[in-house]
PDB file of N, CA and C in Angstrom:
ATOM      1  N   MET A   1       0.848  -1.180   0.000  1.00  0.00           N
ATOM      2  CA  MET A   1       0.000   0.000   0.000  1.00  0.00           C
ATOM      3  C   MET A   1       0.894   1.243   0.000  1.00  0.00           C
ATOM      4  N   THR A   2       0.660   2.129  -0.938  1.00  0.00           N
ATOM      5  CA  THR A   2       1.446   3.355  -0.997  1.00  0.00           C
ATOM      6  C   THR A   2       0.810   4.414  -0.114  1.00  0.00           C
ATOM      7  N   SER A   3       1.566   5.456   0.172  1.00  0.00           N
ATOM      8  CA  SER A   3       1.034   6.506   1.049  1.00  0.00           C
ATOM      9  C   SER A   3      -0.152   7.220   0.413  1.00  0.00           C
ATOM     10  N   SER A   4      -0.210   7.296  -0.933  1.00  0.00           N
ATOM     11  CA  SER A   4      -1.343   7.955  -1.580  1.00  0.00           C
ATOM     12  C   SER A   4      -2.616   7.118  -1.448  1.00  0.00           C
ATOM     13  N   ASP A   5      -2.463   5.779  -1.298  1.00  0.00           N
ATOM     14  CA  ASP A   5      -3.639   4.929  -1.111  1.00  0.00           C
ATOM     15  C   ASP A   5      -4.273   5.152   0.259  1.00  0.00           C
ATOM     16  N   SER A   6      -3.466   5.482   1.260  1.00  0.00           N
ATOM     17  CA  SER A   6      -3.989   5.632   2.608  1.00  0.00           C
ATOM     18  C   SER A   6      -4.587   7.024   2.852  1.00  0.00           C
ATOM     19  N   MET A   7      -4.228   8.002   2.017  1.00  0.00           N
ATOM     20  CA  MET A   7      -4.778   9.356   2.182  1.00  0.00           C
ATOM     21  C   MET A   7      -6.087   9.480   1.430  1.00  0.00           C
ATOM     22  N   PRO A   8      -7.112  10.016   2.069  1.00  0.00           N
ATOM     23  CA  PRO A   8      -8.363  10.217   1.354  1.00  0.00           C
ATOM     24  C   PRO A   8      -8.233  11.369   0.359  1.00  0.00           C
ATOM     25  N   SER A   9      -9.037  11.318  -0.675  1.00  0.00           N
ATOM     26  CA  SER A   9      -9.052  12.409  -1.644  1.00  0.00           C
ATOM     27  C   SER A   9      -9.719  13.624  -1.005  1.00  0.00           C
ATOM     28  N   ILE A  10      -9.170  14.797  -1.259  1.00  0.00           N
ATOM     29  CA  ILE A  10      -9.720  16.044  -0.719  1.00  0.00           C
ATOM     30  C   ILE A  10     -10.047  16.946  -1.891  1.00  0.00           C
ATOM     31  N   GLU A  11     -11.276  17.462  -1.939  1.00  0.00           N
ATOM     32  CA  GLU A  11     -11.689  18.380  -3.000  1.00  0.00           C
ATOM     33  C   GLU A  11     -12.259  19.636  -2.399  1.00  0.00           C
ATOM     34  N   ALA A  12     -12.042  20.759  -3.091  1.00  0.00           N
ATOM     35  CA  ALA A  12     -12.644  22.032  -2.698  1.00  0.00           C
ATOM     36  C   ALA A  12     -13.105  22.740  -3.954  1.00  0.00           C
ATOM     37  N   GLU A  13     -14.249  23.394  -3.856  1.00  0.00           N
ATOM     38  CA  GLU A  13     -14.756  24.179  -4.969  1.00  0.00           C
ATOM     39  C   GLU A  13     -14.700  25.646  -4.561  1.00  0.00           C
ATOM     40  N   LEU A  14     -14.108  26.467  -5.413  1.00  0.00           N
ATOM     41  CA  LEU A  14     -13.874  27.868  -5.090  1.00  0.00           C
ATOM     42  C   LEU A  14     -14.766  28.772  -5.931  1.00  0.00           C
ATOM     43  N   TYR A  15     -15.237  29.845  -5.305  1.00  0.00           N
ATOM     44  CA  TYR A  15     -16.100  30.827  -5.962  1.00  0.00           C
ATOM     45  C   TYR A  15     -15.540  32.213  -5.727  1.00  0.00           C
ATOM     46  N   GLU A  16     -15.852  33.135  -6.622  1.00  0.00           N
ATOM     47  CA  GLU A  16     -15.545  34.546  -6.415  1.00  0.00           C
ATOM     48  C   GLU A  16     -16.848  35.226  -6.010  1.00  0.00           C
ATOM     49  N   LEU A  17     -16.732  36.347  -5.336  1.00  0.00           N
ATOM     50  CA  LEU A  17     -17.928  37.021  -4.839  1.00  0.00           C
ATOM     51  C   LEU A  17     -18.386  38.152  -5.745  1.00  0.00           C
ATOM     52  N   SER A  18     -17.816  38.250  -6.948  1.00  0.00           N
ATOM     53  CA  SER A  18     -18.286  39.243  -7.911  1.00  0.00           C
ATOM     54  C   SER A  18     -18.592  38.546  -9.235  1.00  0.00           C
ATOM     55  N   MET A  19     -19.485  39.156  -9.992  1.00  0.00           N
ATOM     56  CA  MET A  19     -19.911  38.545 -11.261  1.00  0.00           C
ATOM     57  C   MET A  19     -19.901  39.596 -12.343  1.00  0.00           C
ATOM     58  N   PRO A  20     -19.162  39.451 -13.444  1.00  0.00           N
ATOM     59  CA  PRO A  20     -18.127  38.429 -13.567  1.00  0.00           C
ATOM     60  C   PRO A  20     -16.904  38.806 -12.746  1.00  0.00           C
ATOM     61  N   GLY A  21     -16.184  37.782 -12.338  1.00  0.00           N
ATOM     62  CA  GLY A  21     -14.964  37.992 -11.569  1.00  0.00           C
ATOM     63  C   GLY A  21     -13.751  37.819 -12.456  1.00  0.00           C
ATOM     64  N   ARG A  22     -12.623  37.510 -11.852  1.00  0.00           N
ATOM     65  CA  ARG A  22     -11.409  37.276 -12.650  1.00  0.00           C
ATOM     66  C   ARG A  22     -11.553  36.028 -13.506  1.00  0.00           C
ATOM     67  N   LEU A  23     -12.287  35.030 -13.010  1.00  0.00           N
ATOM     68  CA  LEU A  23     -12.604  33.828 -13.778  1.00  0.00           C
ATOM     69  C   LEU A  23     -14.106  33.543 -13.771  1.00  0.00           C
ATOM     70  N   LEU A  24     -14.704  33.652 -12.609  1.00  0.00           N
ATOM     71  CA  LEU A  24     -16.115  33.316 -12.457  1.00  0.00           C
ATOM     72  C   LEU A  24     -16.995  34.150 -13.389  1.00  0.00           C
ATOM     73  N   GLY A  25     -17.855  33.483 -14.136  1.00  0.00           N
ATOM     74  CA  GLY A  25     -18.792  34.174 -15.010  1.00  0.00           C
ATOM     75  C   GLY A  25     -18.256  34.534 -16.376  1.00  0.00           C
ATOM     76  N   LYS A  26     -16.960  34.329 -16.609  1.00  0.00           N
ATOM     77  CA  LYS A  26     -16.403  34.652 -17.920  1.00  0.00           C
ATOM     78  C   LYS A  26     -16.846  33.624 -18.949  1.00  0.00           C
ATOM     79  N   GLU A  27     -17.031  34.100 -20.179  1.00  0.00           N
ATOM     80  CA  GLU A  27     -17.380  33.204 -21.273  1.00  0.00           C
ATOM     81  C   GLU A  27     -16.225  32.251 -21.547  1.00  0.00           C
ATOM     82  N   VAL A  28     -16.564  31.025 -21.904  1.00  0.00           N
ATOM     83  CA  VAL A  28     -15.565  30.016 -22.252  1.00  0.00           C
ATOM     84  C   VAL A  28     -15.737  29.683 -23.727  1.00  0.00           C
ATOM     85  N   LEU A  29     -14.649  29.810 -24.490  1.00  0.00           N
ATOM     86  CA  LEU A  29     -14.633  29.486 -25.909  1.00  0.00           C
ATOM     87  C   LEU A  29     -13.719  28.303 -26.135  1.00  0.00           C
ATOM     88  N   ASP A  30     -14.152  27.372 -26.999  1.00  0.00           N
ATOM     89  CA  ASP A  30     -13.268  26.245 -27.303  1.00  0.00           C
ATOM     90  C   ASP A  30     -12.302  26.642 -28.419  1.00  0.00           C
ATOM     91  N   SER A  31     -11.490  25.707 -28.877  1.00  0.00           N
ATOM     92  CA  SER A  31     -10.459  26.033 -29.872  1.00  0.00           C
ATOM     93  C   SER A  31     -11.049  26.426 -31.222  1.00  0.00           C
ATOM     94  N   ARG A  32     -12.314  26.136 -31.444  1.00  0.00           N
ATOM     95  CA  ARG A  32     -12.989  26.567 -32.686  1.00  0.00           C
ATOM     96  C   ARG A  32     -13.685  27.915 -32.499  1.00  0.00           C
ATOM     97  N   ALA A  33     -13.431  28.572 -31.359  1.00  0.00           N
ATOM     98  CA  ALA A  33     -14.026  29.872 -31.017  1.00  0.00           C
ATOM     99  C   ALA A  33     -15.541  29.780 -30.844  1.00  0.00           C
ATOM    100  N   ARG A  34     -16.026  28.600 -30.470  1.00  0.00           N
ATOM    101  CA  ARG A  34     -17.448  28.438 -30.156  1.00  0.00           C
ATOM    102  C   ARG A  34     -17.662  28.811 -28.699  1.00  0.00           C
ATOM    103  N   ARG A  35     -18.632  29.658 -28.423  1.00  0.00           N
ATOM    104  CA  ARG A  35     -18.994  30.036 -27.049  1.00  0.00           C
ATOM    105  C   ARG A  35     -19.747  28.847 -26.468  1.00  0.00           C
ATOM    106  N   ILE A  36     -19.149  28.208 -25.434  1.00  0.00           N
ATOM    107  CA  ILE A  36     -19.732  26.962 -24.921  1.00  0.00           C
ATOM    108  C   ILE A  36     -20.283  27.073 -23.509  1.00  0.00           C
ATOM    109  N   GLY A  37     -20.032  28.190 -22.829  1.00  0.00           N
ATOM    110  CA  GLY A  37     -20.552  28.345 -21.479  1.00  0.00           C
ATOM    111  C   GLY A  37     -19.811  29.424 -20.726  1.00  0.00           C
ATOM    112  N   ILE A  38     -19.979  29.388 -19.399  1.00  0.00           N
ATOM    113  CA  ILE A  38     -19.284  30.321 -18.523  1.00  0.00           C
ATOM    114  C   ILE A  38     -18.594  29.524 -17.417  1.00  0.00           C
ATOM    115  N   VAL A  39     -17.617  30.149 -16.792  1.00  0.00           N
ATOM    116  CA  VAL A  39     -16.946  29.523 -15.652  1.00  0.00           C
ATOM    117  C   VAL A  39     -17.875  29.639 -14.443  1.00  0.00           C
ATOM    118  N   ARG A  40     -18.280  28.492 -13.893  1.00  0.00           N
ATOM    119  CA  ARG A  40     -19.142  28.478 -12.705  1.00  0.00           C
ATOM    120  C   ARG A  40     -18.313  28.507 -11.431  1.00  0.00           C
ATOM    121  N   SER A  41     -17.210  27.737 -11.416  1.00  0.00           N
ATOM    122  CA  SER A  41     -16.359  27.673 -10.230  1.00  0.00           C
ATOM    123  C   SER A  41     -15.026  27.061 -10.606  1.00  0.00           C
ATOM    124  N   ILE A  42     -14.157  26.987  -9.621  1.00  0.00           N
ATOM    125  CA  ILE A  42     -12.852  26.352  -9.768  1.00  0.00           C
ATOM    126  C   ILE A  42     -12.812  25.210  -8.768  1.00  0.00           C
ATOM    127  N   ARG A  43     -12.409  24.031  -9.221  1.00  0.00           N
ATOM    128  CA  ARG A  43     -12.312  22.880  -8.327  1.00  0.00           C
ATOM    129  C   ARG A  43     -10.843  22.471  -8.230  1.00  0.00           C
ATOM    130  N   ILE A  44     -10.391  22.282  -7.005  1.00  0.00           N
ATOM    131  CA  ILE A  44      -9.053  21.743  -6.796  1.00  0.00           C
ATOM    132  C   ILE A  44      -9.183  20.459  -5.986  1.00  0.00           C
ATOM    133  N   ALA A  45      -8.278  19.553  -6.245  1.00  0.00           N
ATOM    134  CA  ALA A  45      -8.301  18.269  -5.541  1.00  0.00           C
ATOM    135  C   ALA A  45      -6.874  17.869  -5.180  1.00  0.00           C
ATOM    136  N   LEU A  46      -6.764  17.160  -4.077  1.00  0.00           N
ATOM    137  CA  LEU A  46      -5.497  16.592  -3.639  1.00  0.00           C
ATOM    138  C   LEU A  46      -5.662  15.086  -3.547  1.00  0.00           C
ATOM    139  N   ASN A  47      -4.643  14.382  -3.961  1.00  0.00           N
ATOM    140  CA  ASN A  47      -4.601  12.923  -3.922  1.00  0.00           C
ATOM    141  C   ASN A  47      -5.657  12.272  -4.817  1.00  0.00           C
ATOM    142  N   PRO A  48      -5.508  12.314  -6.104  1.00  0.00           N
ATOM    143  CA  PRO A  48      -4.419  12.936  -6.851  1.00  0.00           C
ATOM    144  C   PRO A  48      -4.653  14.443  -7.022  1.00  0.00           C
ATOM    145  N   THR A  49      -3.572  15.182  -7.218  1.00  0.00           N
ATOM    146  CA  THR A  49      -3.652  16.627  -7.377  1.00  0.00           C
ATOM    147  C   THR A  49      -4.198  16.961  -8.756  1.00  0.00           C
ATOM    148  N   ARG A  50      -5.222  17.814  -8.771  1.00  0.00           N
ATOM    149  CA  ARG A  50      -5.763  18.277 -10.045  1.00  0.00           C
ATOM    150  C   ARG A  50      -6.480  19.598  -9.810  1.00  0.00           C
ATOM    151  N   SER A  51      -6.531  20.405 -10.844  1.00  0.00           N
ATOM    152  CA  SER A  51      -7.266  21.670 -10.786  1.00  0.00           C
ATOM    153  C   SER A  51      -8.023  21.827 -12.090  1.00  0.00           C
ATOM    154  N   GLU A  52      -9.255  22.279 -11.967  1.00  0.00           N
ATOM    155  CA  GLU A  52     -10.088  22.390 -13.162  1.00  0.00           C
ATOM    156  C   GLU A  52     -11.125  23.484 -13.006  1.00  0.00           C
ATOM    157  N   LEU A  53     -11.531  24.008 -14.141  1.00  0.00           N
ATOM    158  CA  LEU A  53     -12.649  24.943 -14.186  1.00  0.00           C
ATOM    159  C   LEU A  53     -13.920  24.122 -14.303  1.00  0.00           C
ATOM    160  N   ILE A  54     -14.968  24.537 -13.625  1.00  0.00           N
ATOM    161  CA  ILE A  54     -16.272  23.932 -13.834  1.00  0.00           C
ATOM    162  C   ILE A  54     -17.024  24.886 -14.756  1.00  0.00           C
ATOM    163  N   VAL A  55     -17.364  24.401 -15.935  1.00  0.00           N
ATOM    164  CA  VAL A  55     -18.017  25.209 -16.956  1.00  0.00           C
ATOM    165  C   VAL A  55     -19.493  24.869 -16.979  1.00  0.00           C
ATOM    166  N   LYS A  56     -20.321  25.915 -16.953  1.00  0.00           N
ATOM    167  CA  LYS A  56     -21.775  25.747 -17.027  1.00  0.00           C
ATOM    168  C   LYS A  56     -22.204  26.143 -18.424  1.00  0.00           C
ATOM    169  N   GLY A  57     -22.782  25.175 -19.146  1.00  0.00           N
ATOM    170  CA  GLY A  57     -23.290  25.417 -20.486  1.00  0.00           C
ATOM    171  C   GLY A  57     -24.802  25.488 -20.467  1.00  0.00           C
ATOM    172  N   ALA A  58     -25.414  25.420 -21.641  1.00  0.00           N
ATOM    173  CA  ALA A  58     -26.864  25.555 -21.761  1.00  0.00           C
ATOM    174  C   ALA A  58     -27.597  24.464 -20.983  1.00  0.00           C
ATOM    175  N   GLU A  59     -27.205  23.229 -21.167  1.00  0.00           N
ATOM    176  CA  GLU A  59     -27.899  22.118 -20.510  1.00  0.00           C
ATOM    177  C   GLU A  59     -26.943  21.184 -19.787  1.00  0.00           C
ATOM    178  N   VAL A  60     -25.701  21.626 -19.567  1.00  0.00           N
ATOM    179  CA  VAL A  60     -24.686  20.720 -19.036  1.00  0.00           C
ATOM    180  C   VAL A  60     -23.649  21.500 -18.224  1.00  0.00           C
ATOM    181  N   GLU A  61     -23.073  20.825 -17.223  1.00  0.00           N
ATOM    182  CA  GLU A  61     -21.911  21.333 -16.503  1.00  0.00           C
ATOM    183  C   GLU A  61     -20.822  20.286 -16.639  1.00  0.00           C
ATOM    184  N   PHE A  62     -19.593  20.744 -16.859  1.00  0.00           N
ATOM    185  CA  PHE A  62     -18.508  19.797 -17.041  1.00  0.00           C
ATOM    186  C   PHE A  62     -17.188  20.415 -16.596  1.00  0.00           C
ATOM    187  N   PRO A  63     -16.237  19.561 -16.168  1.00  0.00           N
ATOM    188  CA  PRO A  63     -14.926  20.064 -15.748  1.00  0.00           C
ATOM    189  C   PRO A  63     -13.996  20.228 -16.951  1.00  0.00           C
ATOM    190  N   VAL A  64     -13.129  21.227 -16.867  1.00  0.00           N
ATOM    191  CA  VAL A  64     -12.092  21.444 -17.873  1.00  0.00           C
ATOM    192  C   VAL A  64     -10.771  21.579 -17.123  1.00  0.00           C
ATOM    193  N   ASP A  65      -9.839  20.690 -17.404  1.00  0.00           N
ATOM    194  CA  ASP A  65      -8.533  20.732 -16.758  1.00  0.00           C
ATOM    195  C   ASP A  65      -7.824  22.039 -17.118  1.00  0.00           C
ATOM    196  N   PHE A  66      -7.112  22.623 -16.141  1.00  0.00           N
ATOM    197  CA  PHE A  66      -6.407  23.883 -16.385  1.00  0.00           C
ATOM    198  C   PHE A  66      -5.386  23.755 -17.513  1.00  0.00           C
ATOM    199  N   ALA A  67      -4.894  22.559 -17.782  1.00  0.00           N
ATOM    200  CA  ALA A  67      -3.939  22.357 -18.876  1.00  0.00           C
ATOM    201  C   ALA A  67      -4.574  22.669 -20.230  1.00  0.00           C
ATOM    202  N   LYS A  68      -5.906  22.647 -20.304  1.00  0.00           N
ATOM    203  CA  LYS A  68      -6.603  22.931 -21.566  1.00  0.00           C
ATOM    204  C   LYS A  68      -6.950  24.405 -21.731  1.00  0.00           C
ATOM    205  N   VAL A  69      -6.561  25.243 -20.751  1.00  0.00           N
ATOM    206  CA  VAL A  69      -6.808  26.682 -20.842  1.00  0.00           C
ATOM    207  C   VAL A  69      -5.642  27.315 -21.592  1.00  0.00           C
ATOM    208  N   GLU A  70      -5.949  27.925 -22.726  1.00  0.00           N
ATOM    209  CA  GLU A  70      -4.923  28.587 -23.545  1.00  0.00           C
ATOM    210  C   GLU A  70      -4.622  29.980 -23.001  1.00  0.00           C
ATOM    211  N   THR A  71      -5.661  30.803 -22.845  1.00  0.00           N
ATOM    212  CA  THR A  71      -5.492  32.161 -22.330  1.00  0.00           C
ATOM    213  C   THR A  71      -6.713  32.559 -21.509  1.00  0.00           C
ATOM    214  N   VAL A  72      -6.489  33.519 -20.605  1.00  0.00           N
ATOM    215  CA  VAL A  72      -7.574  34.114 -19.837  1.00  0.00           C
ATOM    216  C   VAL A  72      -7.462  35.615 -20.031  1.00  0.00           C
ATOM    217  N   GLY A  73      -8.498  36.205 -20.584  1.00  0.00           N
ATOM    218  CA  GLY A  73      -8.565  37.648 -20.788  1.00  0.00           C
ATOM    219  C   GLY A  73     -10.007  38.066 -20.570  1.00  0.00           C
ATOM    220  N   THR A  74     -10.593  38.696 -21.553  1.00  0.00           N
ATOM    221  CA  THR A  74     -12.014  39.020 -21.437  1.00  0.00           C
ATOM    222  C   THR A  74     -12.857  37.756 -21.530  1.00  0.00           C
ATOM    223  N   VAL A  75     -12.276  36.700 -22.124  1.00  0.00           N
ATOM    224  CA  VAL A  75     -12.893  35.375 -22.173  1.00  0.00           C
ATOM    225  C   VAL A  75     -11.842  34.344 -21.785  1.00  0.00           C
ATOM    226  N   VAL A  76     -12.290  33.124 -21.528  1.00  0.00           N
ATOM    227  CA  VAL A  76     -11.380  32.008 -21.280  1.00  0.00           C
ATOM    228  C   VAL A  76     -11.326  31.197 -22.571  1.00  0.00           C
ATOM    229  N   GLN A  77     -10.147  31.165 -23.190  1.00  0.00           N
ATOM    230  CA  GLN A  77      -9.952  30.451 -24.454  1.00  0.00           C
ATOM    231  C   GLN A  77      -9.312  29.102 -24.173  1.00  0.00           C
ATOM    232  N   LEU A  78      -9.950  28.031 -24.655  1.00  0.00           N
ATOM    233  CA  LEU A  78      -9.410  26.685 -24.481  1.00  0.00           C
ATOM    234  C   LEU A  78      -8.584  26.285 -25.694  1.00  0.00           C
ATOM    235  N   ASN A  79      -7.699  25.323 -25.516  1.00  0.00           N
ATOM    236  CA  ASN A  79      -6.867  24.849 -26.619  1.00  0.00           C
ATOM    237  C   ASN A  79      -7.376  23.537 -27.200  1.00  0.00           C
ATOM    238  N   SER A  80      -8.638  23.193 -26.908  1.00  0.00           N
ATOM    239  CA  SER A  80      -9.214  21.945 -27.417  1.00  0.00           C
ATOM    240  C   SER A  80     -10.679  22.157 -27.774  1.00  0.00           C
ATOM    241  N   VAL A  81     -11.212  21.245 -28.568  1.00  0.00           N
ATOM    242  CA  VAL A  81     -12.622  21.271 -28.940  1.00  0.00           C
ATOM    243  C   VAL A  81     -13.411  20.604 -27.819  1.00  0.00           C
ATOM    244  N   VAL A  82     -14.537  21.194 -27.448  1.00  0.00           N
ATOM    245  CA  VAL A  82     -15.391  20.617 -26.411  1.00  0.00           C
ATOM    246  C   VAL A  82     -16.629  20.053 -27.078  1.00  0.00           C
ATOM    247  N   LYS A  83     -16.777  18.736 -27.002  1.00  0.00           N
ATOM    248  CA  LYS A  83     -17.911  18.080 -27.650  1.00  0.00           C
ATOM    249  C   LYS A  83     -19.111  17.948 -26.716  1.00  0.00           C
ATOM    250  N   GLU A  84     -18.878  18.115 -25.386  1.00  0.00           N
ATOM    251  CA  GLU A  84     -19.949  17.941 -24.409  1.00  0.00           C
ATOM    252  C   GLU A  84     -20.986  19.049 -24.446  1.00  0.00           C
ATOM    253  N   ALA A  85     -20.620  20.206 -25.014  1.00  0.00           N
ATOM    254  CA  ALA A  85     -21.498  21.376 -24.912  1.00  0.00           C
ATOM    255  C   ALA A  85     -21.866  21.914 -26.286  1.00  0.00           C
ATOM    256  N   GLU A  86     -23.097  22.397 -26.362  1.00  0.00           N
ATOM    257  CA  GLU A  86     -23.555  23.078 -27.571  1.00  0.00           C
ATOM    258  C   GLU A  86     -23.133  24.534 -27.501  1.00  0.00           C
ATOM    259  N   GLU A  87     -23.044  25.166 -28.655  1.00  0.00           N
ATOM    260  CA  GLU A  87     -22.726  26.586 -28.697  1.00  0.00           C
ATOM    261  C   GLU A  87     -23.893  27.380 -28.122  1.00  0.00           C
ATOM    262  N   ILE A  88     -23.585  28.435 -27.374  1.00  0.00           N
ATOM    263  CA  ILE A  88     -24.634  29.258 -26.770  1.00  0.00           C
ATOM    264  C   ILE A  88     -24.551  30.682 -27.306  1.00  0.00           C
ATOM    265  N   GLU A  89     -25.618  31.441 -27.087  1.00  0.00           N
ATOM    266  CA  GLU A  89     -25.709  32.829 -27.539  1.00  0.00           C
ATOM    267  C   GLU A  89     -25.417  33.776 -26.386  1.00  0.00           C
ATOM    268  N   VAL A  90     -25.260  35.064 -26.709  1.00  0.00           N
ATOM    269  CA  VAL A  90     -24.965  36.075 -25.697  1.00  0.00           C
ATOM    270  C   VAL A  90     -26.050  36.132 -24.627  1.00  0.00           C
ATOM    271  N   HIS A  91     -27.322  36.044 -25.018  1.00  0.00           N
ATOM    272  CA  HIS A  91     -28.403  36.091 -24.016  1.00  0.00           C
ATOM    273  C   HIS A  91     -28.334  34.888 -23.067  1.00  0.00           C
ATOM    274  N   ASP A  92     -27.800  33.756 -23.550  1.00  0.00           N
ATOM    275  CA  ASP A  92     -27.606  32.592 -22.678  1.00  0.00           C
ATOM    276  C   ASP A  92     -26.519  32.876 -21.635  1.00  0.00           C
ATOM    277  N   VAL A  93     -25.471  33.596 -22.036  1.00  0.00           N
ATOM    278  CA  VAL A  93     -24.388  33.946 -21.112  1.00  0.00           C
ATOM    279  C   VAL A  93     -24.950  34.772 -19.962  1.00  0.00           C
ATOM    280  N   ILE A  94     -25.767  35.759 -20.280  1.00  0.00           N
ATOM    281  CA  ILE A  94     -26.355  36.627 -19.246  1.00  0.00           C
ATOM    282  C   ILE A  94     -27.235  35.807 -18.305  1.00  0.00           C
ATOM    283  N   ARG A  95     -28.026  34.911 -18.857  1.00  0.00           N
ATOM    284  CA  ARG A  95     -28.894  34.050 -18.036  1.00  0.00           C
ATOM    285  C   ARG A  95     -28.066  33.137 -17.139  1.00  0.00           C
ATOM    286  N   LEU A  96     -27.010  32.540 -17.686  1.00  0.00           N
ATOM    287  CA  LEU A  96     -26.156  31.642 -16.899  1.00  0.00           C
ATOM    288  C   LEU A  96     -25.429  32.404 -15.791  1.00  0.00           C
ATOM    289  N   GLN A  97     -24.963  33.626 -16.084  1.00  0.00           N
ATOM    290  CA  GLN A  97     -24.307  34.432 -15.050  1.00  0.00           C
ATOM    291  C   GLN A  97     -25.275  34.713 -13.903  1.00  0.00           C
ATOM    292  N   LYS A  98     -26.524  35.022 -14.227  1.00  0.00           N
ATOM    293  CA  LYS A  98     -27.525  35.283 -13.190  1.00  0.00           C
ATOM    294  C   LYS A  98     -27.783  34.023 -12.361  1.00  0.00           C
ATOM    295  N   GLU A  99     -27.883  32.867 -13.014  1.00  0.00           N
ATOM    296  CA  GLU A  99     -28.102  31.607 -12.303  1.00  0.00           C
ATOM    297  C   GLU A  99     -26.952  31.310 -11.332  1.00  0.00           C
ATOM    298  N   VAL A 100     -25.719  31.492 -11.793  1.00  0.00           N
ATOM    299  CA  VAL A 100     -24.558  31.220 -10.938  1.00  0.00           C
ATOM    300  C   VAL A 100     -24.526  32.190  -9.766  1.00  0.00           C
ATOM    301  N   LEU A 101     -24.785  33.469 -10.021  1.00  0.00           N
ATOM    302  CA  LEU A 101     -24.797  34.458  -8.946  1.00  0.00           C
ATOM    303  C   LEU A 101     -25.888  34.133  -7.926  1.00  0.00           C
ATOM    304  N   ASP A 102     -27.073  33.720  -8.386  1.00  0.00           N
ATOM    305  CA  ASP A 102     -28.154  33.325  -7.475  1.00  0.00           C
ATOM    306  C   ASP A 102     -27.750  32.109  -6.646  1.00  0.00           C
ATOM    307  N   ASP A 103     -27.047  31.149  -7.275  1.00  0.00           N
ATOM    308  CA  ASP A 103     -26.565  29.965  -6.549  1.00  0.00           C
ATOM    309  C   ASP A 103     -25.596  30.368  -5.443  1.00  0.00           C
ATOM    310  N   ILE A 104     -24.658  31.262  -5.765  1.00  0.00           N
ATOM    311  CA  ILE A 104     -23.677  31.693  -4.774  1.00  0.00           C
ATOM    312  C   ILE A 104     -24.363  32.413  -3.625  1.00  0.00           C
ATOM    313  N   LYS A 105     -25.319  33.259  -3.937  1.00  0.00           N
ATOM    314  CA  LYS A 105     -26.051  33.971  -2.901  1.00  0.00           C
ATOM    315  C   LYS A 105     -26.799  32.992  -1.996  1.00  0.00           C
ATOM    316  N   SER A 106     -27.353  31.938  -2.576  1.00  0.00           N
ATOM    317  CA  SER A 106     -28.067  30.956  -1.769  1.00  0.00           C
ATOM    318  C   SER A 106     -27.098  30.171  -0.882  1.00  0.00           C
ATOM    319  N   TYR A 107     -25.873  29.878  -1.382  1.00  0.00           N
ATOM    320  CA  TYR A 107     -24.866  29.204  -0.559  1.00  0.00           C
ATOM    321  C   TYR A 107     -24.515  30.071   0.639  1.00  0.00           C
ATOM    322  N   LEU A 108     -24.309  31.357   0.388  1.00  0.00           N
ATOM    323  CA  LEU A 108     -23.911  32.275   1.471  1.00  0.00           C
ATOM    324  C   LEU A 108     -25.029  32.489   2.459  1.00  0.00           C
ATOM    325  N   GLY A 109     -26.270  32.500   1.989  1.00  0.00           N
ATOM    326  CA  GLY A 109     -27.419  32.689   2.866  1.00  0.00           C
ATOM    327  C   GLY A 109     -27.746  31.460   3.686  1.00  0.00           C
ATOM    328  N   ALA A 110     -27.266  30.304   3.256  1.00  0.00           N
ATOM    329  CA  ALA A 110     -27.579  29.044   3.937  1.00  0.00           C
ATOM    330  C   ALA A 110     -26.708  28.795   5.165  1.00  0.00           C
ATOM    331  N   ARG A 111     -25.758  29.688   5.433  1.00  0.00           N
ATOM    332  CA  ARG A 111     -24.853  29.490   6.575  1.00  0.00           C
ATOM    333  C   ARG A 111     -25.595  29.492   7.848  1.00  0.00           C
TER     334      ARG A 111
END
């Protein structure tokens, strides 16, 4: 038994308190420049170590490993094609940002 087998996996999901933030709420484009969603949160895990963006699309949420992030500016540009998500429109981005912000507010209010 290795030491990594005896340690439990630890995960944390991180949120920003502004919308859009430095990452939270930003549009995510795949390598074909298709708008596929927004960043909902950041997930980090230990044992095994991994970090990923959680992307919220029209009808799906999925993780994207940070290694697939090409650049972060006004949008998050990925270096790969994402087949899990359909392309979305600008009005979908606004709706998704509102949904994520409402979710965060409900998390904070539930304390």
